[in-house]
Amino acid sequence: MSHTPDAGKPKQKMSGCMLAVIIVGGLALLFAIGIVVTVVAVLRTPEGSAVVDLMTTSIAAQKGPGADALRAQGCQSIGVLPVAALNDIAARADAGPVIPDVATAMVSCFSPPADRTCPPLAAAYVAAERPSGPIRFAIVDGEHDRCAGYFDASGQPMATPAEAPAP
């Protein structure tokens, strides 16, 4: 007759704490799966897709055409947003009116040196990029525009957007 070392010992039961940890862990896992499924479902809607496209466009705006020329002028960060792309995103999301603008791009220079102004920076952007139409240019310090305005395709300031030729 063979004798095993555990033969006479009672079988250990799972403690109540361990059972509670397993149950709570399982519920947390189900909750996390539910969140992921919900996020994926929302991102597959036209509005969710537009949010993803807007984030992608915003990230690309930092490296957009002409951004290097503005970086060389002292801009800490740059935003080059094509108005047509923004209008397309807004239209697909059915997010209300599209951007009613004659500008081909909205260009922002963030936190350049204090002596920089819009006209020379807009001219530097236009010289580097050669846009097909007017641009809307702004220098942004914090939450406020230091200066902003419209510039034609040659880099000259425009008094109002109404002076821009129709795209």
Protein backbone atom coordinates (compact mmCIF):
# COMPACT_ATOMS: atom_id res chain seq x y z
CA MET A 1 0.00 0.00 0.00
CA SER A 2 1.53 3.23 -1.05
CA HIS A 3 1.34 6.14 1.21
CA THR A 4 1.22 9.68 -0.18
CA PRO A 5 2.22 12.60 1.99
CA ASP A 6 -1.15 14.36 1.48
CA ALA A 7 -3.28 11.29 2.11
CA GLY A 8 -4.30 12.14 5.62
CA LYS A 9 -4.63 15.93 5.30
CA PRO A 10 -7.96 17.61 4.56
CA LYS A 11 -8.17 19.38 1.20
CA GLN A 12 -7.65 23.16 1.52
CA LYS A 13 -10.58 25.33 0.47
CA MET A 14 -10.26 28.64 -1.34
CA SER A 15 -10.44 31.53 1.09
CA GLY A 16 -13.30 33.99 0.88
CA CYS A 17 -10.89 36.83 0.12
CA MET A 18 -9.41 34.98 -2.85
CA LEU A 19 -12.88 34.25 -4.19
CA ALA A 20 -13.83 37.94 -3.85
CA VAL A 21 -10.64 39.00 -5.68
CA ILE A 22 -11.43 36.62 -8.54
CA ILE A 23 -15.03 37.85 -8.83
CA VAL A 24 -14.05 41.56 -8.70
CA GLY A 25 -11.24 40.93 -11.23
CA GLY A 26 -13.66 39.19 -13.58
CA LEU A 27 -16.17 42.04 -13.31
CA ALA A 28 -13.39 44.60 -13.96
CA LEU A 29 -12.31 42.65 -17.05
CA LEU A 30 -15.90 42.57 -18.35
CA PHE A 31 -16.22 46.31 -17.68
CA ALA A 32 -12.97 47.03 -19.59
CA ILE A 33 -14.14 44.90 -22.52
CA GLY A 34 -17.44 46.81 -22.53
CA ILE A 35 -15.62 50.15 -22.63
CA VAL A 36 -13.42 49.02 -25.54
CA VAL A 37 -16.43 47.73 -27.49
CA THR A 38 -18.30 51.00 -26.88
CA VAL A 39 -15.34 53.15 -27.98
CA VAL A 40 -14.88 51.08 -31.14
CA ALA A 41 -18.62 51.33 -31.90
CA VAL A 42 -18.56 55.13 -31.45
CA LEU A 43 -15.46 55.53 -33.62
CA ARG A 44 -17.22 53.67 -36.42
CA THR A 45 -19.98 56.29 -36.59
CA PRO A 46 -19.58 59.27 -38.96
CA GLU A 47 -19.09 61.57 -35.97
CA GLY A 48 -16.49 59.28 -34.38
CA SER A 49 -14.68 58.95 -37.67
CA ALA A 50 -14.64 62.74 -37.98
CA VAL A 51 -13.12 63.06 -34.50
CA VAL A 52 -10.35 60.65 -35.48
CA ASP A 53 -9.80 62.54 -38.75
CA LEU A 54 -9.70 65.86 -36.88
CA MET A 55 -7.09 64.51 -34.44
CA THR A 56 -5.04 63.16 -37.35
CA THR A 57 -5.32 66.49 -39.19
CA SER A 58 -4.32 68.39 -36.05
CA ILE A 59 -1.25 66.22 -35.57
CA ALA A 60 -0.31 66.59 -39.23
CA ALA A 61 -0.84 70.38 -38.92
CA GLN A 62 2.25 70.62 -36.74
CA LYS A 63 4.37 69.35 -39.61
CA GLY A 64 2.28 70.83 -42.40
CA PRO A 65 3.62 72.48 -45.53
CA GLY A 66 5.66 75.56 -44.71
CA ALA A 67 6.07 74.60 -41.04
CA ASP A 68 9.87 74.41 -41.31
CA ALA A 69 10.03 77.99 -42.60
CA LEU A 70 8.06 79.18 -39.57
CA ARG A 71 10.16 77.10 -37.16
CA ALA A 72 13.23 78.83 -38.61
CA GLN A 73 11.58 82.17 -37.74
CA GLY A 74 11.26 81.17 -34.06
CA CYS A 75 7.77 79.66 -33.84
CA GLN A 76 7.74 77.14 -30.98
CA SER A 77 4.89 75.20 -32.55
CA ILE A 78 3.06 75.53 -35.84
CA GLY A 79 -0.43 74.72 -37.04
CA VAL A 80 -1.13 74.53 -40.77
CA LEU A 81 -4.72 73.45 -41.24
CA PRO A 82 -6.10 73.19 -44.78
CA VAL A 83 -9.56 74.75 -44.76
CA ALA A 84 -10.84 72.24 -47.36
CA ALA A 85 -9.89 69.31 -45.09
CA LEU A 86 -11.63 70.91 -42.11
CA ASN A 87 -14.74 71.57 -44.19
CA ASP A 88 -14.75 67.96 -45.38
CA ILE A 89 -14.49 66.65 -41.82
CA ALA A 90 -17.29 68.95 -40.64
CA ALA A 91 -19.54 67.95 -43.54
CA ARG A 92 -19.04 64.20 -42.93
CA ALA A 93 -19.78 64.63 -39.23
CA ASP A 94 -22.89 66.68 -39.99
CA ALA A 95 -21.48 69.06 -37.39
CA GLY A 96 -23.30 72.13 -38.55
CA PRO A 97 -22.04 74.77 -40.93
CA VAL A 98 -18.64 74.31 -42.48
CA ILE A 99 -15.99 76.96 -41.99
CA PRO A 100 -17.19 79.89 -44.10
CA ASP A 101 -13.78 81.12 -45.10
CA VAL A 102 -12.10 82.17 -48.31
CA ALA A 103 -8.69 81.19 -46.97
CA THR A 104 -7.07 78.04 -48.29
CA ALA A 105 -5.28 77.42 -44.98
CA MET A 106 -5.37 78.56 -41.38
CA VAL A 107 -1.77 79.01 -40.28
CA SER A 108 -0.79 79.58 -36.65
CA CYS A 109 2.60 80.35 -35.15
CA PHE A 110 2.74 79.67 -31.41
CA SER A 111 4.97 81.64 -29.03
CA PRO A 112 7.59 83.15 -31.33
CA PRO A 113 10.04 85.77 -30.01
CA ALA A 114 8.31 88.96 -28.86
CA ASP A 115 9.64 91.04 -31.78
CA ARG A 116 7.92 88.87 -34.43
CA THR A 117 4.76 90.16 -36.12
CA CYS A 118 2.26 88.61 -38.51
CA PRO A 119 3.26 90.24 -41.84
CA PRO A 120 6.87 88.99 -42.01
CA LEU A 121 5.99 85.55 -40.66
CA ALA A 122 3.06 85.19 -43.05
CA ALA A 123 5.37 86.28 -45.89
CA ALA A 124 7.92 83.63 -44.83
CA TYR A 125 5.19 80.98 -44.88
CA VAL A 126 3.91 82.10 -48.30
CA ALA A 127 7.43 82.18 -49.76
CA ALA A 128 8.08 78.62 -48.57
CA GLU A 129 4.70 77.09 -49.36
CA ARG A 130 3.32 79.13 -52.27
CA PRO A 131 -0.36 78.62 -51.39
CA SER A 132 -2.96 78.59 -54.13
CA GLY A 133 -5.01 81.30 -52.43
CA PRO A 134 -5.27 83.55 -49.39
CA ILE A 135 -4.29 82.31 -45.94
CA ARG A 136 -5.49 83.22 -42.49
CA PHE A 137 -2.41 83.77 -40.30
CA ALA A 138 -2.14 84.26 -36.54
CA ILE A 139 0.56 84.49 -33.91
CA VAL A 140 -0.76 82.88 -30.76
CA ASP A 141 0.67 83.57 -27.31
CA GLY A 142 -0.99 81.41 -24.71
CA GLU A 143 -4.72 81.56 -25.29
CA HIS A 144 -4.72 84.88 -27.17
CA ASP A 145 -3.76 86.01 -30.64
CA ARG A 146 -0.93 88.53 -30.63
CA CYS A 147 -1.93 89.39 -34.18
CA ALA A 148 -4.08 87.81 -36.86
CA GLY A 149 -5.14 88.58 -40.37
CA TYR A 150 -5.61 87.50 -43.93
CA PHE A 151 -2.77 87.47 -46.43
CA ASP A 152 -3.04 86.97 -50.17
CA ALA A 153 -1.13 84.33 -52.12
CA SER A 154 1.79 86.76 -52.54
CA GLY A 155 2.05 87.32 -48.77
CA GLN A 156 0.55 90.82 -48.75
CA PRO A 157 -1.91 91.71 -45.96
CA MET A 158 -5.58 91.95 -46.93
CA ALA A 159 -7.82 94.42 -45.12
CA THR A 160 -10.75 92.01 -45.02
CA PRO A 161 -11.52 88.50 -46.23
CA ALA A 162 -13.93 90.07 -48.73
CA GLU A 163 -10.91 91.25 -50.71
CA ALA A 164 -9.92 87.65 -51.36
CA PRO A 165 -10.73 86.22 -54.76
CA ALA A 166 -13.32 83.47 -54.74
CA PRO A 167 -11.65 80.03 -54.52
